[in-house]
Amino acid sequence: MKQCDCHSYNGDFGKTKEVQIQHKTMGTVSIDACIALVIGKLWDNGICTTGSCCGHNGSFGFPSIVLGENEDNYTRIRKLIKEVDGRNFELTQWKRVIV
């Protein structure tokens, strides 16, 4: 399993600071360093994300990504992730439902 030393603001541990990556519409976004390649890969392939966490070596579970509400090709998303990172990512998604 990939180890990291990403700083956790929730747990106040780790030394590697977040990296800043550029999103075409959101501007500069802070991402946990050890998953920045994954998020960049998704963005480069048109996948919308609204949050992420590397999991901090299991302290907060698996690495996780919150997908935009219109994303639905989860097989493609998992394939893109595996191209740059072999860890098991937890994918979650919030959807607005009008009832």
PDB file of N, CA and C in Angstrom:
ATOM      1  N   MET A   1       0.840  -1.186   0.000  1.00  0.00           N
ATOM      2  CA  MET A   1       0.000   0.000   0.000  1.00  0.00           C
ATOM      3  C   MET A   1       0.881   1.244   0.000  1.00  0.00           C
ATOM      4  N   LYS A   2       0.506   2.223  -0.774  1.00  0.00           N
ATOM      5  CA  LYS A   2       1.247   3.472  -0.860  1.00  0.00           C
ATOM      6  C   LYS A   2       1.188   4.193   0.485  1.00  0.00           C
ATOM      7  N   GLN A   3       2.347   4.572   0.986  1.00  0.00           N
ATOM      8  CA  GLN A   3       2.413   5.297   2.251  1.00  0.00           C
ATOM      9  C   GLN A   3       2.535   6.791   1.968  1.00  0.00           C
ATOM     10  N   CYS A   4       2.013   7.584   2.867  1.00  0.00           N
ATOM     11  CA  CYS A   4       2.131   9.028   2.702  1.00  0.00           C
ATOM     12  C   CYS A   4       2.432   9.681   4.050  1.00  0.00           C
ATOM     13  N   ASP A   5       2.850  10.903   3.958  1.00  0.00           N
ATOM     14  CA  ASP A   5       3.045  11.713   5.159  1.00  0.00           C
ATOM     15  C   ASP A   5       2.300  13.035   4.969  1.00  0.00           C
ATOM     16  N   CYS A   6       1.154  12.954   4.274  1.00  0.00           N
ATOM     17  CA  CYS A   6       0.360  14.157   4.022  1.00  0.00           C
ATOM     18  C   CYS A   6      -0.143  14.739   5.339  1.00  0.00           C
ATOM     19  N   HIS A   7      -0.094  16.056   5.426  1.00  0.00           N
ATOM     20  CA  HIS A   7      -0.568  16.720   6.630  1.00  0.00           C
ATOM     21  C   HIS A   7      -2.089  16.619   6.715  1.00  0.00           C
ATOM     22  N   SER A   8      -2.576  16.243   7.890  1.00  0.00           N
ATOM     23  CA  SER A   8      -4.007  16.203   8.148  1.00  0.00           C
ATOM     24  C   SER A   8      -4.367  17.344   9.083  1.00  0.00           C
ATOM     25  N   TYR A   9      -5.221  18.223   8.623  1.00  0.00           N
ATOM     26  CA  TYR A   9      -5.661  19.322   9.481  1.00  0.00           C
ATOM     27  C   TYR A   9      -6.650  18.830  10.527  1.00  0.00           C
ATOM     28  N   ASN A  10      -7.374  17.748  10.218  1.00  0.00           N
ATOM     29  CA  ASN A  10      -8.319  17.174  11.184  1.00  0.00           C
ATOM     30  C   ASN A  10      -7.593  16.422  12.288  1.00  0.00           C
ATOM     31  N   GLY A  11      -6.534  15.691  11.941  1.00  0.00           N
ATOM     32  CA  GLY A  11      -5.813  14.878  12.905  1.00  0.00           C
ATOM     33  C   GLY A  11      -4.545  15.521  13.414  1.00  0.00           C
ATOM     34  N   ASP A  12      -4.150  16.643  12.817  1.00  0.00           N
ATOM     35  CA  ASP A  12      -2.945  17.380  13.188  1.00  0.00           C
ATOM     36  C   ASP A  12      -1.707  16.480  13.209  1.00  0.00           C
ATOM     37  N   PHE A  13      -1.474  15.765  12.103  1.00  0.00           N
ATOM     38  CA  PHE A  13      -0.264  14.965  11.946  1.00  0.00           C
ATOM     39  C   PHE A  13       0.156  14.986  10.490  1.00  0.00           C
ATOM     40  N   GLY A  14       1.336  14.490  10.200  1.00  0.00           N
ATOM     41  CA  GLY A  14       1.878  14.469   8.841  1.00  0.00           C
ATOM     42  C   GLY A  14       2.580  15.770   8.512  1.00  0.00           C
ATOM     43  N   LYS A  15       3.584  15.665   7.646  1.00  0.00           N
ATOM     44  CA  LYS A  15       4.425  16.832   7.337  1.00  0.00           C
ATOM     45  C   LYS A  15       4.296  17.346   5.912  1.00  0.00           C
ATOM     46  N   THR A  16       3.860  16.494   4.979  1.00  0.00           N
ATOM     47  CA  THR A  16       3.800  16.924   3.582  1.00  0.00           C
ATOM     48  C   THR A  16       2.583  17.804   3.368  1.00  0.00           C
ATOM     49  N   LYS A  17       2.844  19.038   2.965  1.00  0.00           N
ATOM     50  CA  LYS A  17       1.753  19.999   2.764  1.00  0.00           C
ATOM     51  C   LYS A  17       0.955  19.649   1.510  1.00  0.00           C
ATOM     52  N   GLU A  18      -0.273  20.123   1.475  1.00  0.00           N
ATOM     53  CA  GLU A  18      -1.117  19.959   0.301  1.00  0.00           C
ATOM     54  C   GLU A  18      -0.444  20.616  -0.899  1.00  0.00           C
ATOM     55  N   VAL A  19      -0.771  20.126  -2.079  1.00  0.00           N
ATOM     56  CA  VAL A  19      -0.277  20.768  -3.295  1.00  0.00           C
ATOM     57  C   VAL A  19      -1.414  21.562  -3.914  1.00  0.00           C
ATOM     58  N   GLN A  20      -1.035  22.573  -4.638  1.00  0.00           N
ATOM     59  CA  GLN A  20      -2.007  23.425  -5.321  1.00  0.00           C
ATOM     60  C   GLN A  20      -2.047  22.993  -6.775  1.00  0.00           C
ATOM     61  N   ILE A  21      -3.215  22.583  -7.246  1.00  0.00           N
ATOM     62  CA  ILE A  21      -3.331  22.277  -8.668  1.00  0.00           C
ATOM     63  C   ILE A  21      -4.429  23.156  -9.272  1.00  0.00           C
ATOM     64  N   GLN A  22      -4.267  23.407 -10.545  1.00  0.00           N
ATOM     65  CA  GLN A  22      -5.141  24.339 -11.246  1.00  0.00           C
ATOM     66  C   GLN A  22      -6.291  23.599 -11.903  1.00  0.00           C
ATOM     67  N   HIS A  23      -7.495  24.058 -11.631  1.00  0.00           N
ATOM     68  CA  HIS A  23      -8.700  23.531 -12.281  1.00  0.00           C
ATOM     69  C   HIS A  23      -9.201  24.599 -13.245  1.00  0.00           C
ATOM     70  N   LYS A  24      -9.700  24.174 -14.409  1.00  0.00           N
ATOM     71  CA  LYS A  24     -10.070  25.144 -15.450  1.00  0.00           C
ATOM     72  C   LYS A  24     -11.191  26.096 -15.046  1.00  0.00           C
ATOM     73  N   THR A  25     -12.097  25.680 -14.150  1.00  0.00           N
ATOM     74  CA  THR A  25     -13.173  26.589 -13.740  1.00  0.00           C
ATOM     75  C   THR A  25     -13.122  26.979 -12.265  1.00  0.00           C
ATOM     76  N   MET A  26     -12.540  26.124 -11.418  1.00  0.00           N
ATOM     77  CA  MET A  26     -12.503  26.418  -9.977  1.00  0.00           C
ATOM     78  C   MET A  26     -11.250  27.184  -9.563  1.00  0.00           C
ATOM     79  N   GLY A  27     -10.284  27.319 -10.465  1.00  0.00           N
ATOM     80  CA  GLY A  27      -9.040  27.993 -10.123  1.00  0.00           C
ATOM     81  C   GLY A  27      -8.103  27.059  -9.368  1.00  0.00           C
ATOM     82  N   THR A  28      -7.339  27.617  -8.432  1.00  0.00           N
ATOM     83  CA  THR A  28      -6.369  26.836  -7.681  1.00  0.00           C
ATOM     84  C   THR A  28      -7.057  26.089  -6.546  1.00  0.00           C
ATOM     85  N   VAL A  29      -6.777  24.780  -6.444  1.00  0.00           N
ATOM     86  CA  VAL A  29      -7.409  23.921  -5.444  1.00  0.00           C
ATOM     87  C   VAL A  29      -6.327  23.188  -4.669  1.00  0.00           C
ATOM     88  N   SER A  30      -6.455  23.115  -3.342  1.00  0.00           N
ATOM     89  CA  SER A  30      -5.518  22.371  -2.502  1.00  0.00           C
ATOM     90  C   SER A  30      -5.919  20.903  -2.443  1.00  0.00           C
ATOM     91  N   ILE A  31      -4.958  20.008  -2.706  1.00  0.00           N
ATOM     92  CA  ILE A  31      -5.195  18.563  -2.743  1.00  0.00           C
ATOM     93  C   ILE A  31      -4.115  17.871  -1.916  1.00  0.00           C
ATOM     94  N   ASP A  32      -4.484  16.818  -1.172  1.00  0.00           N
ATOM     95  CA  ASP A  32      -3.471  16.014  -0.481  1.00  0.00           C
ATOM     96  C   ASP A  32      -2.433  15.583  -1.508  1.00  0.00           C
ATOM     97  N   ALA A  33      -1.149  15.772  -1.163  1.00  0.00           N
ATOM     98  CA  ALA A  33      -0.058  15.567  -2.115  1.00  0.00           C
ATOM     99  C   ALA A  33      -0.064  14.184  -2.760  1.00  0.00           C
ATOM    100  N   CYS A  34      -0.323  13.131  -1.978  1.00  0.00           N
ATOM    101  CA  CYS A  34      -0.180  11.775  -2.529  1.00  0.00           C
ATOM    102  C   CYS A  34      -1.338  11.367  -3.442  1.00  0.00           C
ATOM    103  N   ILE A  35      -2.385  12.176  -3.555  1.00  0.00           N
ATOM    104  CA  ILE A  35      -3.459  11.857  -4.510  1.00  0.00           C
ATOM    105  C   ILE A  35      -3.627  12.940  -5.577  1.00  0.00           C
ATOM    106  N   ALA A  36      -2.717  13.901  -5.602  1.00  0.00           N
ATOM    107  CA  ALA A  36      -2.820  14.986  -6.582  1.00  0.00           C
ATOM    108  C   ALA A  36      -2.785  14.464  -8.015  1.00  0.00           C
ATOM    109  N   LEU A  37      -1.969  13.440  -8.285  1.00  0.00           N
ATOM    110  CA  LEU A  37      -1.928  12.864  -9.643  1.00  0.00           C
ATOM    111  C   LEU A  37      -3.275  12.256 -10.026  1.00  0.00           C
ATOM    112  N   VAL A  38      -3.933  11.610  -9.071  1.00  0.00           N
ATOM    113  CA  VAL A  38      -5.237  10.996  -9.330  1.00  0.00           C
ATOM    114  C   VAL A  38      -6.266  12.072  -9.663  1.00  0.00           C
ATOM    115  N   ILE A  39      -6.324  13.100  -8.840  1.00  0.00           N
ATOM    116  CA  ILE A  39      -7.310  14.164  -9.073  1.00  0.00           C
ATOM    117  C   ILE A  39      -7.026  14.859 -10.399  1.00  0.00           C
ATOM    118  N   GLY A  40      -5.754  15.144 -10.674  1.00  0.00           N
ATOM    119  CA  GLY A  40      -5.384  15.751 -11.950  1.00  0.00           C
ATOM    120  C   GLY A  40      -5.781  14.884 -13.134  1.00  0.00           C
ATOM    121  N   LYS A  41      -5.576  13.584 -13.011  1.00  0.00           N
ATOM    122  CA  LYS A  41      -5.945  12.637 -14.081  1.00  0.00           C
ATOM    123  C   LYS A  41      -7.450  12.687 -14.338  1.00  0.00           C
ATOM    124  N   LEU A  42      -8.239  12.692 -13.255  1.00  0.00           N
ATOM    125  CA  LEU A  42      -9.695  12.761 -13.410  1.00  0.00           C
ATOM    126  C   LEU A  42     -10.106  14.067 -14.073  1.00  0.00           C
ATOM    127  N   TRP A  43      -9.568  15.180 -13.585  1.00  0.00           N
ATOM    128  CA  TRP A  43      -9.901  16.478 -14.172  1.00  0.00           C
ATOM    129  C   TRP A  43      -9.510  16.546 -15.637  1.00  0.00           C
ATOM    130  N   ASP A  44      -8.312  16.031 -15.975  1.00  0.00           N
ATOM    131  CA  ASP A  44      -7.850  16.050 -17.366  1.00  0.00           C
ATOM    132  C   ASP A  44      -8.773  15.245 -18.282  1.00  0.00           C
ATOM    133  N   ASN A  45      -9.529  14.316 -17.696  1.00  0.00           N
ATOM    134  CA  ASN A  45     -10.449  13.476 -18.466  1.00  0.00           C
ATOM    135  C   ASN A  45     -11.905  13.887 -18.284  1.00  0.00           C
ATOM    136  N   GLY A  46     -12.119  15.114 -17.808  1.00  0.00           N
ATOM    137  CA  GLY A  46     -13.462  15.673 -17.727  1.00  0.00           C
ATOM    138  C   GLY A  46     -14.315  15.179 -16.575  1.00  0.00           C
ATOM    139  N   ILE A  47     -13.693  14.540 -15.566  1.00  0.00           N
ATOM    140  CA  ILE A  47     -14.447  14.029 -14.415  1.00  0.00           C
ATOM    141  C   ILE A  47     -14.521  15.128 -13.355  1.00  0.00           C
ATOM    142  N   CYS A  48     -15.725  15.437 -12.916  1.00  0.00           N
ATOM    143  CA  CYS A  48     -15.948  16.446 -11.888  1.00  0.00           C
ATOM    144  C   CYS A  48     -15.790  15.825 -10.499  1.00  0.00           C
ATOM    145  N   THR A  49     -14.974  16.457  -9.655  1.00  0.00           N
ATOM    146  CA  THR A  49     -14.855  16.047  -8.259  1.00  0.00           C
ATOM    147  C   THR A  49     -15.206  17.248  -7.388  1.00  0.00           C
ATOM    148  N   THR A  50     -15.763  16.973  -6.208  1.00  0.00           N
ATOM    149  CA  THR A  50     -16.117  18.075  -5.311  1.00  0.00           C
ATOM    150  C   THR A  50     -15.411  17.973  -3.966  1.00  0.00           C
ATOM    151  N   GLY A  51     -14.599  16.951  -3.772  1.00  0.00           N
ATOM    152  CA  GLY A  51     -13.840  16.788  -2.539  1.00  0.00           C
ATOM    153  C   GLY A  51     -12.984  15.544  -2.617  1.00  0.00           C
ATOM    154  N   SER A  52     -11.961  15.490  -1.767  1.00  0.00           N
ATOM    155  CA  SER A  52     -11.100  14.310  -1.752  1.00  0.00           C
ATOM    156  C   SER A  52     -10.283  14.282  -0.466  1.00  0.00           C
ATOM    157  N   CYS A  53      -9.800  13.085  -0.124  1.00  0.00           N
ATOM    158  CA  CYS A  53      -8.911  12.899   1.025  1.00  0.00           C
ATOM    159  C   CYS A  53      -8.078  11.654   0.752  1.00  0.00           C
ATOM    160  N   CYS A  54      -6.796  11.713   1.084  1.00  0.00           N
ATOM    161  CA  CYS A  54      -5.925  10.557   0.821  1.00  0.00           C
ATOM    162  C   CYS A  54      -6.129   9.438   1.839  1.00  0.00           C
ATOM    163  N   GLY A  55      -6.817   9.712   2.937  1.00  0.00           N
ATOM    164  CA  GLY A  55      -7.046   8.702   3.968  1.00  0.00           C
ATOM    165  C   GLY A  55      -5.967   8.664   5.032  1.00  0.00           C
ATOM    166  N   HIS A  56      -4.837   9.335   4.747  1.00  0.00           N
ATOM    167  CA  HIS A  56      -3.740   9.451   5.715  1.00  0.00           C
ATOM    168  C   HIS A  56      -3.342   8.093   6.293  1.00  0.00           C
ATOM    169  N   ASN A  57      -2.960   7.181   5.353  1.00  0.00           N
ATOM    170  CA  ASN A  57      -2.490   5.831   5.718  1.00  0.00           C
ATOM    171  C   ASN A  57      -3.503   5.053   6.541  1.00  0.00           C
ATOM    172  N   GLY A  58      -4.775   5.258   6.285  1.00  0.00           N
ATOM    173  CA  GLY A  58      -5.815   4.506   6.967  1.00  0.00           C
ATOM    174  C   GLY A  58      -6.377   5.185   8.203  1.00  0.00           C
ATOM    175  N   SER A  59      -5.782   6.275   8.638  1.00  0.00           N
ATOM    176  CA  SER A  59      -6.307   6.978   9.811  1.00  0.00           C
ATOM    177  C   SER A  59      -7.742   7.443   9.595  1.00  0.00           C
ATOM    178  N   PHE A  60      -8.070   7.762   8.331  1.00  0.00           N
ATOM    179  CA  PHE A  60      -9.422   8.191   7.987  1.00  0.00           C
ATOM    180  C   PHE A  60     -10.032   7.272   6.931  1.00  0.00           C
ATOM    181  N   GLY A  61      -9.627   6.013   6.914  1.00  0.00           N
ATOM    182  CA  GLY A  61     -10.166   5.056   5.958  1.00  0.00           C
ATOM    183  C   GLY A  61      -9.388   5.047   4.655  1.00  0.00           C
ATOM    184  N   PHE A  62     -10.048   4.593   3.606  1.00  0.00           N
ATOM    185  CA  PHE A  62      -9.444   4.540   2.282  1.00  0.00           C
ATOM    186  C   PHE A  62      -9.311   5.938   1.708  1.00  0.00           C
ATOM    187  N   PRO A  63      -8.428   6.119   0.726  1.00  0.00           N
ATOM    188  CA  PRO A  63      -8.461   7.377  -0.018  1.00  0.00           C
ATOM    189  C   PRO A  63      -9.865   7.539  -0.606  1.00  0.00           C
ATOM    190  N   SER A  64     -10.367   8.757  -0.607  1.00  0.00           N
ATOM    191  CA  SER A  64     -11.742   8.955  -1.059  1.00  0.00           C
ATOM    192  C   SER A  64     -11.871  10.160  -1.970  1.00  0.00           C
ATOM    193  N   ILE A  65     -12.828  10.052  -2.862  1.00  0.00           N
ATOM    194  CA  ILE A  65     -13.133  11.129  -3.796  1.00  0.00           C
ATOM    195  C   ILE A  65     -14.643  11.291  -3.841  1.00  0.00           C
ATOM    196  N   VAL A  66     -15.100  12.531  -3.734  1.00  0.00           N
ATOM    197  CA  VAL A  66     -16.514  12.842  -3.899  1.00  0.00           C
ATOM    198  C   VAL A  66     -16.698  13.295  -5.346  1.00  0.00           C
ATOM    199  N   LEU A  67     -17.537  12.585  -6.070  1.00  0.00           N
ATOM    200  CA  LEU A  67     -17.775  12.876  -7.481  1.00  0.00           C
ATOM    201  C   LEU A  67     -18.905  13.876  -7.655  1.00  0.00           C
ATOM    202  N   GLY A  68     -18.843  14.630  -8.749  1.00  0.00           N
ATOM    203  CA  GLY A  68     -19.927  15.530  -9.101  1.00  0.00           C
ATOM    204  C   GLY A  68     -21.206  14.752  -9.338  1.00  0.00           C
ATOM    205  N   GLU A  69     -22.335  15.403  -9.160  1.00  0.00           N
ATOM    206  CA  GLU A  69     -23.613  14.688  -9.202  1.00  0.00           C
ATOM    207  C   GLU A  69     -23.968  14.133 -10.577  1.00  0.00           C
ATOM    208  N   ASN A  70     -23.347  14.608 -11.640  1.00  0.00           N
ATOM    209  CA  ASN A  70     -23.668  14.102 -12.974  1.00  0.00           C
ATOM    210  C   ASN A  70     -22.751  12.974 -13.432  1.00  0.00           C
ATOM    211  N   GLU A  71     -21.771  12.610 -12.623  1.00  0.00           N
ATOM    212  CA  GLU A  71     -20.875  11.516 -13.004  1.00  0.00           C
ATOM    213  C   GLU A  71     -21.596  10.186 -12.812  1.00  0.00           C
ATOM    214  N   ASP A  72     -21.488   9.299 -13.800  1.00  0.00           N
ATOM    215  CA  ASP A  72     -22.164   8.008 -13.663  1.00  0.00           C
ATOM    216  C   ASP A  72     -21.394   6.834 -14.263  1.00  0.00           C
ATOM    217  N   ASN A  73     -20.257   7.094 -14.902  1.00  0.00           N
ATOM    218  CA  ASN A  73     -19.476   6.015 -15.482  1.00  0.00           C
ATOM    219  C   ASN A  73     -18.381   5.603 -14.492  1.00  0.00           C
ATOM    220  N   TYR A  74     -18.785   4.905 -13.454  1.00  0.00           N
ATOM    221  CA  TYR A  74     -17.871   4.562 -12.358  1.00  0.00           C
ATOM    222  C   TYR A  74     -16.773   3.598 -12.799  1.00  0.00           C
ATOM    223  N   THR A  75     -17.059   2.730 -13.751  1.00  0.00           N
ATOM    224  CA  THR A  75     -16.043   1.810 -14.266  1.00  0.00           C
ATOM    225  C   THR A  75     -14.924   2.605 -14.932  1.00  0.00           C
ATOM    226  N   ARG A  76     -15.280   3.590 -15.731  1.00  0.00           N
ATOM    227  CA  ARG A  76     -14.276   4.446 -16.383  1.00  0.00           C
ATOM    228  C   ARG A  76     -13.467   5.210 -15.344  1.00  0.00           C
ATOM    229  N   ILE A  77     -14.147   5.747 -14.334  1.00  0.00           N
ATOM    230  CA  ILE A  77     -13.465   6.516 -13.296  1.00  0.00           C
ATOM    231  C   ILE A  77     -12.466   5.629 -12.558  1.00  0.00           C
ATOM    232  N   ARG A  78     -12.866   4.427 -12.187  1.00  0.00           N
ATOM    233  CA  ARG A  78     -11.945   3.503 -11.496  1.00  0.00           C
ATOM    234  C   ARG A  78     -10.755   3.134 -12.379  1.00  0.00           C
ATOM    235  N   LYS A  79     -11.002   2.968 -13.664  1.00  0.00           N
ATOM    236  CA  LYS A  79      -9.911   2.655 -14.595  1.00  0.00           C
ATOM    237  C   LYS A  79      -8.915   3.808 -14.654  1.00  0.00           C
ATOM    238  N   LEU A  80      -9.401   5.030 -14.741  1.00  0.00           N
ATOM    239  CA  LEU A  80      -8.519   6.199 -14.772  1.00  0.00           C
ATOM    240  C   LEU A  80      -7.684   6.287 -13.492  1.00  0.00           C
ATOM    241  N   ILE A  81      -8.313   6.021 -12.348  1.00  0.00           N
ATOM    242  CA  ILE A  81      -7.591   6.057 -11.073  1.00  0.00           C
ATOM    243  C   ILE A  81      -6.476   5.024 -11.076  1.00  0.00           C
ATOM    244  N   LYS A  82      -6.791   3.784 -11.488  1.00  0.00           N
ATOM    245  CA  LYS A  82      -5.810   2.691 -11.485  1.00  0.00           C
ATOM    246  C   LYS A  82      -4.620   2.968 -12.400  1.00  0.00           C
ATOM    247  N   GLU A  83      -4.808   3.818 -13.409  1.00  0.00           N
ATOM    248  CA  GLU A  83      -3.701   4.153 -14.299  1.00  0.00           C
ATOM    249  C   GLU A  83      -2.591   4.913 -13.574  1.00  0.00           C
ATOM    250  N   VAL A  84      -2.916   5.580 -12.458  1.00  0.00           N
ATOM    251  CA  VAL A  84      -1.894   6.371 -11.742  1.00  0.00           C
ATOM    252  C   VAL A  84      -1.722   5.988 -10.280  1.00  0.00           C
ATOM    253  N   ASP A  85      -2.649   5.176  -9.730  1.00  0.00           N
ATOM    254  CA  ASP A  85      -2.565   4.826  -8.310  1.00  0.00           C
ATOM    255  C   ASP A  85      -3.261   3.488  -8.068  1.00  0.00           C
ATOM    256  N   GLY A  86      -2.559   2.543  -7.478  1.00  0.00           N
ATOM    257  CA  GLY A  86      -3.101   1.204  -7.283  1.00  0.00           C
ATOM    258  C   GLY A  86      -3.948   1.016  -6.042  1.00  0.00           C
ATOM    259  N   ARG A  87      -4.099   2.061  -5.233  1.00  0.00           N
ATOM    260  CA  ARG A  87      -4.900   1.919  -4.016  1.00  0.00           C
ATOM    261  C   ARG A  87      -6.384   1.815  -4.332  1.00  0.00           C
ATOM    262  N   ASN A  88      -7.131   1.264  -3.388  1.00  0.00           N
ATOM    263  CA  ASN A  88      -8.583   1.163  -3.508  1.00  0.00           C
ATOM    264  C   ASN A  88      -9.199   2.475  -3.029  1.00  0.00           C
ATOM    265  N   PHE A  89      -9.782   3.234  -3.926  1.00  0.00           N
ATOM    266  CA  PHE A  89     -10.405   4.511  -3.577  1.00  0.00           C
ATOM    267  C   PHE A  89     -11.885   4.310  -3.296  1.00  0.00           C
ATOM    268  N   GLU A  90     -12.366   4.968  -2.281  1.00  0.00           N
ATOM    269  CA  GLU A  90     -13.797   5.004  -1.992  1.00  0.00           C
ATOM    270  C   GLU A  90     -14.377   6.166  -2.789  1.00  0.00           C
ATOM    271  N   LEU A  91     -15.346   5.870  -3.635  1.00  0.00           N
ATOM    272  CA  LEU A  91     -16.016   6.912  -4.408  1.00  0.00           C
ATOM    273  C   LEU A  91     -17.384   7.173  -3.798  1.00  0.00           C
ATOM    274  N   THR A  92     -17.679   8.426  -3.554  1.00  0.00           N
ATOM    275  CA  THR A  92     -18.985   8.809  -3.027  1.00  0.00           C
ATOM    276  C   THR A  92     -19.559   9.910  -3.913  1.00  0.00           C
ATOM    277  N   GLN A  93     -20.843  10.163  -3.710  1.00  0.00           N
ATOM    278  CA  GLN A  93     -21.499  11.142  -4.564  1.00  0.00           C
ATOM    279  C   GLN A  93     -22.766  11.644  -3.882  1.00  0.00           C
ATOM    280  N   TRP A  94     -22.926  12.939  -3.935  1.00  0.00           N
ATOM    281  CA  TRP A  94     -24.182  13.549  -3.462  1.00  0.00           C
ATOM    282  C   TRP A  94     -24.988  13.896  -4.687  1.00  0.00           C
ATOM    283  N   LYS A  95     -26.286  13.605  -4.639  1.00  0.00           N
ATOM    284  CA  LYS A  95     -27.163  13.971  -5.737  1.00  0.00           C
ATOM    285  C   LYS A  95     -28.371  14.737  -5.201  1.00  0.00           C
ATOM    286  N   ARG A  96     -28.682  15.796  -5.880  1.00  0.00           N
ATOM    287  CA  ARG A  96     -29.888  16.556  -5.523  1.00  0.00           C
ATOM    288  C   ARG A  96     -31.089  15.865  -6.138  1.00  0.00           C
ATOM    289  N   VAL A  97     -32.074  15.596  -5.317  1.00  0.00           N
ATOM    290  CA  VAL A  97     -33.298  14.946  -5.776  1.00  0.00           C
ATOM    291  C   VAL A  97     -34.471  15.827  -5.372  1.00  0.00           C
ATOM    292  N   ILE A  98     -35.253  16.222  -6.338  1.00  0.00           N
ATOM    293  CA  ILE A  98     -36.447  17.026  -6.051  1.00  0.00           C
ATOM    294  C   ILE A  98     -37.609  16.068  -5.890  1.00  0.00           C
ATOM    295  N   VAL A  99     -38.289  16.138  -4.753  1.00  0.00           N
ATOM    296  CA  VAL A  99     -39.417  15.237  -4.492  1.00  0.00           C
ATOM    297  C   VAL A  99     -40.689  16.019  -4.266  1.00  0.00           C
TER     298      VAL A  99
END
